[in-house]
N, C-alpha and C. Protein backbone atom coordinates (compact mmCIF):
# COMPACT_ATOMS: atom_id res chain seq x y z
N MET A 1 123.52 -71.72 49.40
CA MET A 1 123.15 -72.41 48.17
C MET A 1 122.37 -73.69 48.47
N THR A 2 122.85 -74.43 49.48
CA THR A 2 122.15 -75.64 49.87
C THR A 2 120.74 -75.34 50.34
N MET A 3 120.61 -74.25 51.12
CA MET A 3 119.29 -73.87 51.62
C MET A 3 118.38 -73.50 50.46
N LEU A 4 118.91 -72.79 49.44
CA LEU A 4 118.09 -72.42 48.30
C LEU A 4 117.60 -73.67 47.57
N ASN A 5 118.50 -74.63 47.38
CA ASN A 5 118.09 -75.87 46.72
C ASN A 5 117.05 -76.61 47.52
N SER A 6 117.21 -76.60 48.85
CA SER A 6 116.23 -77.25 49.72
C SER A 6 114.88 -76.57 49.62
N ASP A 7 114.86 -75.22 49.62
CA ASP A 7 113.61 -74.47 49.51
C ASP A 7 112.92 -74.78 48.19
N ARG A 8 113.74 -74.84 47.12
CA ARG A 8 113.15 -75.14 45.81
C ARG A 8 112.55 -76.54 45.78
N ALA A 9 113.26 -77.48 46.40
CA ALA A 9 112.74 -78.86 46.43
C ALA A 9 111.45 -78.93 47.22
N ASN A 10 111.39 -78.21 48.36
CA ASN A 10 110.16 -78.21 49.15
C ASN A 10 109.02 -77.59 48.37
N THR A 11 109.32 -76.49 47.65
CA THR A 11 108.28 -75.83 46.86
C THR A 11 107.77 -76.75 45.76
N ARG A 12 108.73 -77.45 45.07
CA ARG A 12 108.29 -78.38 44.02
C ARG A 12 107.43 -79.50 44.60
N GLY A 13 107.79 -79.96 45.82
CA GLY A 13 107.00 -81.01 46.45
C GLY A 13 105.59 -80.55 46.77
N ARG A 14 105.47 -79.30 47.27
CA ARG A 14 104.13 -78.78 47.58
C ARG A 14 103.30 -78.61 46.32
N LEU A 15 103.94 -78.09 45.25
CA LEU A 15 103.21 -77.89 44.00
C LEU A 15 102.77 -79.23 43.41
N ALA A 16 103.66 -80.24 43.51
CA ALA A 16 103.29 -81.57 43.01
C ALA A 16 102.10 -82.12 43.78
N GLY A 17 102.12 -81.92 45.10
CA GLY A 17 101.00 -82.38 45.93
C GLY A 17 99.71 -81.68 45.55
N MET A 18 99.78 -80.37 45.29
CA MET A 18 98.60 -79.62 44.87
C MET A 18 98.07 -80.13 43.54
N ARG A 19 98.99 -80.43 42.59
CA ARG A 19 98.55 -80.95 41.30
C ARG A 19 97.87 -82.30 41.45
N ARG A 20 98.43 -83.17 42.31
CA ARG A 20 97.81 -84.48 42.52
C ARG A 20 96.42 -84.34 43.10
N ARG A 21 96.24 -83.40 44.04
CA ARG A 21 94.92 -83.20 44.64
C ARG A 21 93.92 -82.70 43.61
N ARG A 22 94.35 -81.81 42.72
CA ARG A 22 93.45 -81.31 41.68
C ARG A 22 93.04 -82.43 40.74
N GLU A 23 94.02 -83.30 40.39
CA GLU A 23 93.73 -84.37 39.44
C GLU A 23 92.85 -85.45 40.06
N ASN A 24 93.08 -85.76 41.32
CA ASN A 24 92.38 -86.87 41.97
C ASN A 24 91.20 -86.42 42.83
N GLY A 25 90.86 -85.15 42.81
CA GLY A 25 89.87 -84.63 43.73
C GLY A 25 90.55 -84.29 45.04
N ASP A 26 89.84 -83.62 45.91
CA ASP A 26 90.42 -83.19 47.18
C ASP A 26 89.47 -83.56 48.30
N PRO A 27 89.54 -84.81 48.79
CA PRO A 27 88.57 -85.29 49.79
C PRO A 27 88.52 -84.43 51.05
N VAL A 28 89.67 -83.95 51.52
CA VAL A 28 89.67 -83.16 52.75
C VAL A 28 88.99 -81.81 52.53
N ALA A 29 89.31 -81.14 51.41
CA ALA A 29 88.67 -79.86 51.11
C ALA A 29 87.17 -80.05 50.90
N ASP A 30 86.78 -81.13 50.23
CA ASP A 30 85.36 -81.41 50.04
C ASP A 30 84.66 -81.64 51.38
N PHE A 31 85.36 -82.27 52.31
CA PHE A 31 84.79 -82.56 53.62
C PHE A 31 84.50 -81.27 54.38
N ILE A 32 85.46 -80.35 54.40
CA ILE A 32 85.24 -79.11 55.15
C ILE A 32 84.25 -78.20 54.42
N ALA A 33 84.09 -78.37 53.11
CA ALA A 33 83.10 -77.58 52.38
C ALA A 33 81.70 -77.86 52.89
N ARG A 34 81.50 -78.98 53.56
CA ARG A 34 80.20 -79.33 54.14
C ARG A 34 80.04 -78.74 55.54
N GLY A 35 81.07 -78.00 56.00
CA GLY A 35 81.02 -77.44 57.34
C GLY A 35 81.50 -78.39 58.41
N LEU A 36 82.21 -79.45 58.01
CA LEU A 36 82.70 -80.45 58.94
C LEU A 36 84.19 -80.21 59.20
N PRO A 37 84.61 -80.08 60.46
CA PRO A 37 85.97 -79.64 60.77
C PRO A 37 87.00 -80.75 60.63
N VAL A 38 88.23 -80.33 60.38
CA VAL A 38 89.38 -81.24 60.33
C VAL A 38 90.51 -80.64 61.13
N VAL A 39 91.53 -81.45 61.37
CA VAL A 39 92.72 -80.99 62.09
C VAL A 39 93.89 -81.84 61.63
N PRO A 40 95.09 -81.29 61.52
CA PRO A 40 96.25 -82.09 61.09
C PRO A 40 96.51 -83.26 62.03
N ALA A 41 96.87 -84.39 61.44
CA ALA A 41 97.14 -85.60 62.21
C ALA A 41 98.47 -86.19 61.77
N ALA A 42 99.03 -87.03 62.61
CA ALA A 42 100.31 -87.67 62.32
C ALA A 42 100.18 -88.59 61.11
N ALA A 43 101.31 -88.88 60.51
CA ALA A 43 101.39 -89.76 59.35
C ALA A 43 102.70 -90.55 59.44
N PRO A 44 102.89 -91.54 58.58
CA PRO A 44 104.20 -92.18 58.55
C PRO A 44 105.29 -91.16 58.26
N SER A 45 106.38 -91.23 58.96
CA SER A 45 107.46 -90.25 58.80
C SER A 45 108.04 -90.31 57.39
N SER A 46 108.31 -89.14 56.82
CA SER A 46 108.91 -89.07 55.49
C SER A 46 110.43 -89.10 55.54
N THR A 47 110.99 -89.06 56.75
CA THR A 47 112.44 -89.00 56.90
C THR A 47 113.04 -90.28 57.51
N GLY A 48 112.19 -91.27 57.78
CA GLY A 48 112.69 -92.50 58.36
C GLY A 48 111.53 -93.30 58.93
N PRO A 49 111.82 -94.45 59.54
CA PRO A 49 110.75 -95.27 60.11
C PRO A 49 110.10 -94.58 61.31
N GLY A 50 108.84 -94.91 61.54
CA GLY A 50 108.16 -94.36 62.69
C GLY A 50 107.14 -93.30 62.34
N CYS A 51 106.60 -92.68 63.37
CA CYS A 51 105.54 -91.68 63.25
C CYS A 51 106.12 -90.30 63.00
N SER A 52 105.42 -89.48 62.24
CA SER A 52 105.90 -88.14 61.95
C SER A 52 105.96 -87.24 63.18
N CYS A 53 105.31 -87.65 64.28
CA CYS A 53 105.37 -86.85 65.50
C CYS A 53 106.74 -86.98 66.18
N THR A 54 107.52 -87.97 65.77
CA THR A 54 108.88 -88.24 66.28
C THR A 54 108.91 -88.60 67.76
N ARG A 55 107.78 -88.88 68.35
CA ARG A 55 107.74 -89.26 69.76
C ARG A 55 108.24 -90.69 69.93
N VAL A 56 109.16 -90.89 70.83
CA VAL A 56 109.67 -92.22 71.10
C VAL A 56 108.57 -93.05 71.78
N GLY A 57 108.28 -94.21 71.22
CA GLY A 57 107.23 -95.05 71.78
C GLY A 57 105.84 -94.52 71.54
N CYS A 58 105.61 -93.82 70.44
CA CYS A 58 104.28 -93.28 70.12
C CYS A 58 103.25 -94.40 70.20
N PRO A 59 102.17 -94.21 70.99
CA PRO A 59 101.19 -95.29 71.17
C PRO A 59 100.26 -95.51 69.98
N ALA A 60 100.18 -94.52 69.08
CA ALA A 60 99.30 -94.65 67.91
C ALA A 60 100.01 -94.08 66.69
N PRO A 61 101.06 -94.75 66.21
CA PRO A 61 101.86 -94.20 65.11
C PRO A 61 101.03 -93.88 63.87
N GLY A 62 101.16 -92.64 63.40
CA GLY A 62 100.46 -92.24 62.19
C GLY A 62 98.96 -92.19 62.31
N ALA A 63 98.44 -92.13 63.52
CA ALA A 63 96.98 -92.22 63.69
C ALA A 63 96.47 -91.38 64.85
N HIS A 64 96.99 -90.17 65.01
CA HIS A 64 96.53 -89.30 66.09
C HIS A 64 96.71 -87.84 65.68
N PRO A 65 95.89 -86.92 66.21
CA PRO A 65 96.10 -85.50 65.92
C PRO A 65 97.48 -85.05 66.38
N LEU A 66 98.05 -84.09 65.66
CA LEU A 66 99.39 -83.63 66.00
C LEU A 66 99.40 -82.76 67.25
N SER A 67 98.34 -82.00 67.45
CA SER A 67 98.28 -81.08 68.58
C SER A 67 97.44 -81.65 69.71
N ARG A 68 97.86 -81.36 70.95
CA ARG A 68 97.05 -81.75 72.10
C ARG A 68 95.77 -80.93 72.18
N SER A 69 95.75 -79.80 71.50
CA SER A 69 94.56 -78.92 71.50
C SER A 69 93.71 -79.15 70.25
N TRP A 70 93.70 -80.39 69.76
CA TRP A 70 93.04 -80.67 68.49
C TRP A 70 91.55 -80.35 68.50
N ARG A 71 90.90 -80.49 69.65
CA ARG A 71 89.46 -80.19 69.69
C ARG A 71 89.21 -78.71 69.38
N LYS A 72 90.03 -77.83 69.96
CA LYS A 72 89.85 -76.39 69.76
C LYS A 72 90.39 -75.93 68.42
N GLU A 73 91.43 -76.59 67.93
CA GLU A 73 92.07 -76.14 66.69
C GLU A 73 91.35 -76.63 65.44
N ALA A 74 90.53 -77.65 65.56
CA ALA A 74 89.83 -78.18 64.38
C ALA A 74 89.03 -77.07 63.70
N SER A 75 89.04 -77.08 62.37
CA SER A 75 88.42 -75.98 61.62
C SER A 75 87.84 -76.49 60.31
N ALA A 76 86.78 -75.81 59.87
CA ALA A 76 86.20 -76.05 58.55
C ALA A 76 86.45 -74.87 57.63
N ASP A 77 87.46 -74.06 57.95
CA ASP A 77 87.83 -72.89 57.17
C ASP A 77 88.82 -73.30 56.08
N PRO A 78 88.48 -73.12 54.79
CA PRO A 78 89.40 -73.52 53.73
C PRO A 78 90.72 -72.76 53.76
N ASP A 79 90.70 -71.52 54.24
CA ASP A 79 91.95 -70.77 54.35
C ASP A 79 92.86 -71.38 55.40
N GLN A 80 92.28 -71.86 56.49
CA GLN A 80 93.08 -72.52 57.52
C GLN A 80 93.67 -73.83 56.96
N LEU A 81 92.89 -74.56 56.19
CA LEU A 81 93.40 -75.78 55.57
C LEU A 81 94.59 -75.46 54.67
N ALA A 82 94.50 -74.38 53.91
CA ALA A 82 95.61 -73.99 53.03
C ALA A 82 96.85 -73.66 53.84
N ARG A 83 96.67 -72.99 54.98
CA ARG A 83 97.82 -72.66 55.82
C ARG A 83 98.45 -73.93 56.39
N TRP A 84 97.61 -74.86 56.84
CA TRP A 84 98.14 -76.13 57.36
C TRP A 84 98.93 -76.86 56.28
N ARG A 85 98.39 -76.89 55.08
CA ARG A 85 99.04 -77.62 54.01
C ARG A 85 100.37 -76.99 53.61
N ALA A 86 100.46 -75.67 53.67
CA ALA A 86 101.72 -75.01 53.36
C ALA A 86 102.79 -75.34 54.40
N ARG A 87 102.35 -75.48 55.65
CA ARG A 87 103.29 -75.72 56.74
C ARG A 87 103.55 -77.21 56.95
N LEU A 88 102.54 -78.04 56.65
CA LEU A 88 102.63 -79.49 56.90
C LEU A 88 102.19 -80.24 55.65
N PRO A 89 103.02 -80.27 54.61
CA PRO A 89 102.58 -80.83 53.31
C PRO A 89 102.33 -82.32 53.30
N ASP A 90 102.91 -83.07 54.23
CA ASP A 90 102.79 -84.53 54.18
C ASP A 90 101.94 -85.11 55.30
N THR A 91 101.08 -84.32 55.90
CA THR A 91 100.34 -84.78 57.06
C THR A 91 99.05 -85.49 56.68
N ASN A 92 98.54 -86.33 57.59
CA ASN A 92 97.18 -86.83 57.50
C ASN A 92 96.24 -85.80 58.10
N TYR A 93 94.92 -86.04 57.96
CA TYR A 93 93.92 -85.18 58.61
C TYR A 93 92.90 -86.03 59.34
N ALA A 94 92.53 -85.55 60.51
CA ALA A 94 91.51 -86.20 61.32
C ALA A 94 90.31 -85.27 61.45
N THR A 95 89.17 -85.83 61.81
CA THR A 95 87.99 -85.02 62.08
C THR A 95 87.44 -85.36 63.45
N PRO A 96 87.28 -84.37 64.34
CA PRO A 96 86.68 -84.62 65.65
C PRO A 96 85.20 -84.95 65.51
N THR A 97 84.74 -85.88 66.31
CA THR A 97 83.33 -86.28 66.26
C THR A 97 82.58 -85.76 67.48
N GLY A 98 81.25 -85.77 67.37
CA GLY A 98 80.41 -85.44 68.51
C GLY A 98 79.73 -84.10 68.43
N ARG A 99 80.22 -83.19 67.62
CA ARG A 99 79.60 -81.86 67.53
C ARG A 99 78.83 -81.71 66.22
N THR A 100 79.49 -81.88 65.09
CA THR A 100 78.81 -81.74 63.80
C THR A 100 78.42 -83.09 63.20
N HIS A 101 79.05 -84.16 63.67
CA HIS A 101 78.77 -85.48 63.12
C HIS A 101 79.34 -86.53 64.06
N ASP A 102 78.84 -87.75 63.92
CA ASP A 102 79.37 -88.91 64.62
C ASP A 102 79.88 -89.91 63.58
N VAL A 103 80.55 -90.95 64.05
CA VAL A 103 81.00 -92.03 63.17
C VAL A 103 80.77 -93.36 63.88
N LEU A 104 80.12 -94.28 63.19
CA LEU A 104 79.97 -95.65 63.68
C LEU A 104 81.02 -96.50 62.99
N GLU A 105 81.84 -97.19 63.78
CA GLU A 105 82.97 -97.96 63.25
C GLU A 105 82.75 -99.45 63.52
N VAL A 106 82.97 -100.26 62.49
CA VAL A 106 82.78 -101.70 62.61
C VAL A 106 83.89 -102.42 61.85
N PRO A 107 84.10 -103.71 62.13
CA PRO A 107 85.07 -104.48 61.33
C PRO A 107 84.71 -104.44 59.85
N ALA A 108 85.72 -104.52 59.00
CA ALA A 108 85.52 -104.34 57.57
C ALA A 108 84.51 -105.34 56.99
N ALA A 109 84.58 -106.60 57.38
CA ALA A 109 83.65 -107.60 56.84
C ALA A 109 82.22 -107.27 57.22
N ALA A 110 82.02 -106.85 58.48
CA ALA A 110 80.68 -106.47 58.94
C ALA A 110 80.22 -105.20 58.22
N GLY A 111 81.14 -104.27 58.02
CA GLY A 111 80.79 -103.03 57.34
C GLY A 111 80.35 -103.25 55.91
N ALA A 112 81.07 -104.10 55.19
CA ALA A 112 80.70 -104.40 53.81
C ALA A 112 79.33 -105.08 53.75
N ARG A 113 79.09 -106.00 54.70
CA ARG A 113 77.81 -106.70 54.75
C ARG A 113 76.67 -105.71 55.06
N ALA A 114 76.89 -104.83 56.03
CA ALA A 114 75.87 -103.87 56.41
C ALA A 114 75.59 -102.87 55.29
N LEU A 115 76.64 -102.43 54.60
CA LEU A 115 76.45 -101.48 53.51
C LEU A 115 75.60 -102.09 52.41
N ASP A 116 75.86 -103.34 52.04
CA ASP A 116 75.05 -104.00 51.03
C ASP A 116 73.59 -104.11 51.48
N THR A 117 73.39 -104.44 52.76
CA THR A 117 72.03 -104.59 53.29
C THR A 117 71.29 -103.26 53.25
N LEU A 118 71.95 -102.19 53.68
CA LEU A 118 71.31 -100.87 53.72
C LEU A 118 70.96 -100.38 52.31
N LEU A 119 71.88 -100.57 51.38
CA LEU A 119 71.62 -100.13 50.01
C LEU A 119 70.50 -100.94 49.37
N ALA A 120 70.46 -102.24 49.63
CA ALA A 120 69.40 -103.09 49.06
C ALA A 120 68.04 -102.71 49.61
N ALA A 121 68.02 -102.30 50.88
CA ALA A 121 66.76 -101.92 51.52
C ALA A 121 66.40 -100.46 51.27
N LYS A 122 67.26 -99.76 50.49
CA LYS A 122 67.06 -98.34 50.20
C LYS A 122 66.98 -97.48 51.47
N GLU A 123 67.74 -97.90 52.46
CA GLU A 123 67.86 -97.11 53.69
C GLU A 123 68.87 -95.99 53.47
N PRO A 124 68.76 -94.90 54.23
CA PRO A 124 69.71 -93.79 54.04
C PRO A 124 71.12 -94.21 54.45
N VAL A 125 72.07 -93.95 53.58
CA VAL A 125 73.47 -94.26 53.84
C VAL A 125 74.29 -93.01 53.55
N GLY A 126 75.05 -92.58 54.53
CA GLY A 126 75.90 -91.42 54.35
C GLY A 126 77.26 -91.82 53.82
N PRO A 127 78.24 -90.96 53.95
CA PRO A 127 79.60 -91.32 53.55
C PRO A 127 80.10 -92.52 54.34
N VAL A 128 80.78 -93.42 53.67
CA VAL A 128 81.38 -94.59 54.31
C VAL A 128 82.82 -94.71 53.82
N ALA A 129 83.73 -94.91 54.75
CA ALA A 129 85.15 -95.02 54.41
C ALA A 129 85.76 -96.23 55.08
N THR A 130 86.88 -96.68 54.53
CA THR A 130 87.69 -97.65 55.24
C THR A 130 88.72 -96.89 56.07
N THR A 131 89.17 -97.50 57.15
CA THR A 131 90.28 -96.93 57.87
C THR A 131 91.55 -97.11 57.04
N ALA A 132 92.60 -96.38 57.41
CA ALA A 132 93.85 -96.47 56.66
C ALA A 132 94.43 -97.87 56.71
N THR A 133 94.23 -98.57 57.81
CA THR A 133 94.75 -99.93 57.93
C THR A 133 93.94 -100.94 57.12
N GLY A 134 92.73 -100.55 56.71
CA GLY A 134 91.91 -101.40 55.85
C GLY A 134 91.06 -102.42 56.56
N ASP A 135 91.13 -102.49 57.88
CA ASP A 135 90.42 -103.55 58.60
C ASP A 135 89.13 -103.07 59.28
N ARG A 136 88.76 -101.79 59.09
CA ARG A 136 87.55 -101.25 59.70
C ARG A 136 86.82 -100.38 58.68
N TYR A 137 85.47 -100.29 58.86
CA TYR A 137 84.64 -99.39 58.08
C TYR A 137 84.14 -98.26 58.99
N LEU A 138 84.04 -97.06 58.43
CA LEU A 138 83.56 -95.88 59.15
C LEU A 138 82.29 -95.37 58.49
N PHE A 139 81.18 -95.38 59.22
CA PHE A 139 79.90 -94.86 58.73
C PHE A 139 79.66 -93.49 59.35
N PHE A 140 79.66 -92.45 58.53
CA PHE A 140 79.49 -91.07 59.01
C PHE A 140 78.00 -90.76 59.13
N THR A 141 77.62 -90.19 60.27
CA THR A 141 76.21 -89.90 60.57
C THR A 141 76.09 -88.50 61.18
N THR A 142 74.86 -88.08 61.39
CA THR A 142 74.65 -86.86 62.16
C THR A 142 75.09 -87.11 63.61
N ALA A 143 75.34 -86.03 64.34
CA ALA A 143 75.69 -86.17 65.76
C ALA A 143 74.44 -86.58 66.52
N ARG A 144 74.60 -87.50 67.46
CA ARG A 144 73.44 -87.97 68.20
C ARG A 144 72.94 -86.87 69.14
N PRO A 145 71.64 -86.80 69.41
CA PRO A 145 71.10 -85.78 70.30
C PRO A 145 71.81 -85.82 71.65
N GLY A 146 72.19 -84.66 72.12
CA GLY A 146 72.88 -84.60 73.40
C GLY A 146 74.36 -84.87 73.30
N GLY A 147 74.88 -84.98 72.08
CA GLY A 147 76.29 -85.28 71.93
C GLY A 147 77.22 -84.09 71.99
N GLY A 148 76.66 -82.90 72.14
CA GLY A 148 77.48 -81.69 72.16
C GLY A 148 78.26 -81.52 73.44
N ASP A 149 79.08 -80.49 73.47
CA ASP A 149 79.98 -80.28 74.61
C ASP A 149 79.25 -79.96 75.91
N ASP A 150 78.03 -79.40 75.79
CA ASP A 150 77.33 -78.98 77.00
C ASP A 150 76.35 -80.02 77.52
N ALA A 151 76.33 -81.19 76.91
CA ALA A 151 75.34 -82.19 77.31
C ALA A 151 75.87 -83.07 78.43
N ASP A 152 74.97 -83.42 79.34
CA ASP A 152 75.33 -84.28 80.47
C ASP A 152 74.74 -85.67 80.36
N GLU A 153 73.77 -85.84 79.44
CA GLU A 153 73.06 -87.11 79.42
C GLU A 153 73.80 -88.20 78.66
N TRP A 154 74.90 -87.85 77.98
CA TRP A 154 75.68 -88.84 77.26
C TRP A 154 77.09 -88.87 77.80
N TRP A 155 77.67 -90.08 77.89
CA TRP A 155 79.06 -90.19 78.30
C TRP A 155 79.98 -89.96 77.11
N ALA A 156 81.23 -89.65 77.40
CA ALA A 156 82.18 -89.37 76.34
C ALA A 156 82.58 -90.64 75.60
N CYS A 157 83.12 -90.45 74.39
CA CYS A 157 83.43 -91.59 73.53
C CYS A 157 84.52 -92.49 74.10
N ASP A 158 85.36 -91.97 74.98
CA ASP A 158 86.41 -92.84 75.51
C ASP A 158 85.82 -93.96 76.36
N LEU A 159 84.55 -93.86 76.69
CA LEU A 159 83.87 -94.96 77.37
C LEU A 159 83.20 -95.90 76.37
N ASP A 160 82.35 -95.32 75.50
CA ASP A 160 81.58 -96.23 74.65
C ASP A 160 82.31 -96.64 73.38
N ALA A 161 83.56 -96.21 73.21
CA ALA A 161 84.34 -96.67 72.07
C ALA A 161 85.09 -97.95 72.37
N ARG A 162 85.08 -98.41 73.59
CA ARG A 162 85.82 -99.62 73.94
C ARG A 162 84.97 -100.86 73.68
N PRO A 163 85.43 -101.76 72.82
CA PRO A 163 84.61 -102.93 72.49
C PRO A 163 84.29 -103.79 73.69
N GLU A 164 85.17 -103.81 74.70
CA GLU A 164 84.94 -104.73 75.81
C GLU A 164 83.74 -104.35 76.67
N ILE A 165 83.26 -103.10 76.58
CA ILE A 165 82.09 -102.74 77.38
C ILE A 165 80.81 -102.75 76.52
N SER A 166 80.97 -103.13 75.26
CA SER A 166 79.82 -103.14 74.36
C SER A 166 79.25 -104.54 74.25
N GLU A 167 77.92 -104.65 74.17
CA GLU A 167 77.29 -105.94 73.98
C GLU A 167 77.41 -106.40 72.52
N THR A 168 77.77 -105.50 71.65
CA THR A 168 77.89 -105.83 70.23
C THR A 168 79.36 -105.89 69.86
N SER A 169 79.82 -107.04 69.45
CA SER A 169 81.24 -107.26 69.18
C SER A 169 81.74 -106.36 68.06
N GLY A 170 82.75 -105.54 68.36
CA GLY A 170 83.44 -104.77 67.34
C GLY A 170 82.80 -103.45 66.96
N LEU A 171 81.64 -103.11 67.50
CA LEU A 171 80.97 -101.86 67.15
C LEU A 171 81.44 -100.73 68.06
N ARG A 172 81.91 -99.64 67.46
CA ARG A 172 82.36 -98.48 68.22
C ARG A 172 81.59 -97.25 67.74
N TRP A 173 81.18 -96.42 68.67
CA TRP A 173 80.46 -95.19 68.35
C TRP A 173 81.36 -94.03 68.70
N HIS A 174 81.90 -93.36 67.67
CA HIS A 174 82.74 -92.18 67.89
C HIS A 174 81.86 -90.96 68.03
N THR A 175 81.84 -90.39 69.21
CA THR A 175 81.05 -89.20 69.45
C THR A 175 81.92 -88.20 70.21
N ARG A 176 81.35 -87.53 71.20
CA ARG A 176 82.08 -86.49 71.91
C ARG A 176 83.42 -87.02 72.44
N GLY A 177 84.51 -86.27 72.16
CA GLY A 177 85.82 -86.62 72.68
C GLY A 177 86.61 -87.59 71.83
N SER A 178 86.12 -87.90 70.61
CA SER A 178 86.84 -88.84 69.75
C SER A 178 87.11 -88.21 68.39
N TYR A 179 87.76 -88.97 67.53
CA TYR A 179 88.09 -88.51 66.18
C TYR A 179 88.33 -89.73 65.31
N VAL A 180 88.29 -89.52 63.99
CA VAL A 180 88.69 -90.54 63.03
C VAL A 180 89.55 -89.87 61.97
N LEU A 181 90.42 -90.65 61.33
CA LEU A 181 91.22 -90.14 60.23
C LEU A 181 90.42 -90.18 58.93
N LEU A 182 90.64 -89.18 58.09
CA LEU A 182 89.90 -89.06 56.84
C LEU A 182 90.71 -89.58 55.66
N PRO A 183 90.04 -90.15 54.66
CA PRO A 183 90.74 -90.44 53.40
C PRO A 183 91.31 -89.15 52.83
N PRO A 184 92.49 -89.20 52.25
CA PRO A 184 93.30 -90.38 51.97
C PRO A 184 94.42 -90.59 52.99
N ALA A 185 94.07 -90.67 54.27
CA ALA A 185 95.08 -90.86 55.32
C ALA A 185 95.92 -92.10 55.04
N ARG A 186 97.22 -92.00 55.35
CA ARG A 186 98.16 -93.10 55.12
C ARG A 186 98.48 -93.79 56.44
N ALA A 187 98.55 -95.11 56.41
CA ALA A 187 98.86 -95.90 57.60
C ALA A 187 100.32 -96.34 57.58
N MET A 188 100.78 -96.80 58.73
CA MET A 188 102.17 -97.25 58.83
C MET A 188 102.43 -98.49 57.97
N ASN A 189 101.37 -99.25 57.66
CA ASN A 189 101.55 -100.46 56.85
C ASN A 189 101.54 -100.18 55.35
N GLY A 190 101.51 -98.89 54.98
CA GLY A 190 101.55 -98.50 53.58
C GLY A 190 100.20 -98.39 52.92
N ARG A 191 99.14 -98.76 53.62
CA ARG A 191 97.80 -98.67 53.05
C ARG A 191 97.25 -97.25 53.20
N THR A 192 96.16 -97.01 52.49
CA THR A 192 95.55 -95.67 52.48
C THR A 192 94.05 -95.78 52.73
N ALA A 193 93.52 -94.90 53.54
CA ALA A 193 92.07 -94.85 53.76
C ALA A 193 91.38 -94.43 52.46
N ARG A 194 90.18 -94.96 52.25
CA ARG A 194 89.47 -94.61 51.02
C ARG A 194 87.97 -94.60 51.27
N TRP A 195 87.28 -93.84 50.44
CA TRP A 195 85.82 -93.82 50.50
C TRP A 195 85.27 -95.02 49.75
N VAL A 196 84.28 -95.70 50.34
CA VAL A 196 83.63 -96.82 49.66
C VAL A 196 82.16 -96.52 49.38
N HIS A 197 81.67 -95.39 49.89
CA HIS A 197 80.34 -94.92 49.53
C HIS A 197 80.36 -93.40 49.53
N ASP A 198 79.61 -92.82 48.65
CA ASP A 198 79.56 -91.40 48.32
C ASP A 198 79.95 -90.46 49.48
N PRO A 199 81.11 -89.82 49.41
CA PRO A 199 81.51 -88.91 50.48
C PRO A 199 80.68 -87.63 50.54
N HIS A 200 79.85 -87.41 49.50
CA HIS A 200 78.99 -86.22 49.48
C HIS A 200 77.56 -86.54 49.91
N ALA A 201 77.30 -87.78 50.28
CA ALA A 201 75.94 -88.18 50.66
C ALA A 201 75.50 -87.46 51.94
N GLU A 202 74.21 -87.29 52.07
CA GLU A 202 73.65 -86.65 53.26
C GLU A 202 73.87 -87.54 54.48
N LEU A 203 74.19 -86.92 55.60
CA LEU A 203 74.43 -87.69 56.82
C LEU A 203 73.12 -88.24 57.37
N PRO A 204 73.04 -89.55 57.63
CA PRO A 204 71.80 -90.12 58.18
C PRO A 204 71.79 -90.05 59.70
N ASP A 205 70.63 -90.23 60.28
CA ASP A 205 70.51 -90.39 61.72
C ASP A 205 71.20 -91.70 62.11
N PRO A 206 72.10 -91.67 63.10
CA PRO A 206 72.80 -92.92 63.45
C PRO A 206 71.87 -94.04 63.88
N LEU A 207 70.73 -93.70 64.48
CA LEU A 207 69.81 -94.73 64.94
C LEU A 207 69.14 -95.46 63.78
N ARG A 208 69.14 -94.84 62.58
CA ARG A 208 68.54 -95.49 61.42
C ARG A 208 69.39 -96.66 60.93
N ILE A 209 70.69 -96.61 61.18
CA ILE A 209 71.58 -97.66 60.65
C ILE A 209 72.22 -98.49 61.76
N LEU A 210 72.04 -98.08 63.00
CA LEU A 210 72.71 -98.76 64.11
C LEU A 210 72.33 -100.24 64.19
N GLY A 211 71.04 -100.56 64.03
CA GLY A 211 70.59 -101.94 64.14
C GLY A 211 71.21 -102.82 63.08
N THR A 212 71.29 -102.32 61.85
CA THR A 212 71.88 -103.10 60.76
C THR A 212 73.37 -103.35 61.02
N LEU A 213 74.07 -102.33 61.51
CA LEU A 213 75.49 -102.50 61.83
C LEU A 213 75.68 -103.50 62.96
N ALA A 214 74.83 -103.41 63.98
CA ALA A 214 74.94 -104.34 65.11
C ALA A 214 74.68 -105.78 64.66
N ASP A 215 73.67 -105.96 63.81
CA ASP A 215 73.36 -107.30 63.30
C ASP A 215 74.53 -107.86 62.49
N ALA A 216 75.15 -107.00 61.68
CA ALA A 216 76.28 -107.45 60.86
C ALA A 216 77.47 -107.84 61.73
N CYS A 217 77.68 -107.09 62.80
CA CYS A 217 78.77 -107.42 63.72
C CYS A 217 78.49 -108.74 64.43
N GLU A 218 77.27 -108.93 64.87
CA GLU A 218 76.92 -110.17 65.58
C GLU A 218 77.04 -111.37 64.65
N ALA A 219 76.63 -111.19 63.38
CA ALA A 219 76.74 -112.29 62.41
C ALA A 219 78.21 -112.67 62.20
N GLY A 220 79.08 -111.63 62.14
CA GLY A 220 80.50 -111.90 61.98
C GLY A 220 81.09 -112.58 63.18
N ALA A 221 80.65 -112.17 64.39
CA ALA A 221 81.16 -112.80 65.61
C ALA A 221 80.70 -114.23 65.72
N GLY A 222 79.47 -114.48 65.24
CA GLY A 222 78.95 -115.85 65.31
C GLY A 222 79.63 -116.78 64.34
């Protein structure tokens, strides 16, 4: 009897989640409809404090793919998304970068400044989101040439994503070997990632906006 009540409660929770997505739009489904892959990611635990991965000492609570094989498992198949949601109703979603798209990440103040500059200049601007923590902006772009898995002329993102090796303060380029969380991802501090510019916009060439982002970061550092 207890198990039946538990099953019914889980079913009601999934149905409620589906209704909320229909009412508020479905950013993750819209994202994969563009052919851009996603993969389940950790979230704040629904059963207690900490990360939903339940790993003791998790280095990135609520902000990492759930599977170690996330690069291979990422999918833009809506049926796969439905299966993930049935099995993992309270998860966040991440998108791997470097193959179908890249992401330029900057501090929130610099991102807001750069977005205003790009829009005023009528430069191409793709989808732009805040991170779940609210302190960074994510500019989605096309994948840079040579960013695919078979390219040798570009280093992996675990090198160029580190601010300390960059000449531009706070600018990170997520490409091969990296990922970002998608809205409406939830952070451990209770905040939620959100889109701040059209999530359906065409992806621009990263080099078209890189200079503006770098200038905004330098202005903030100064």
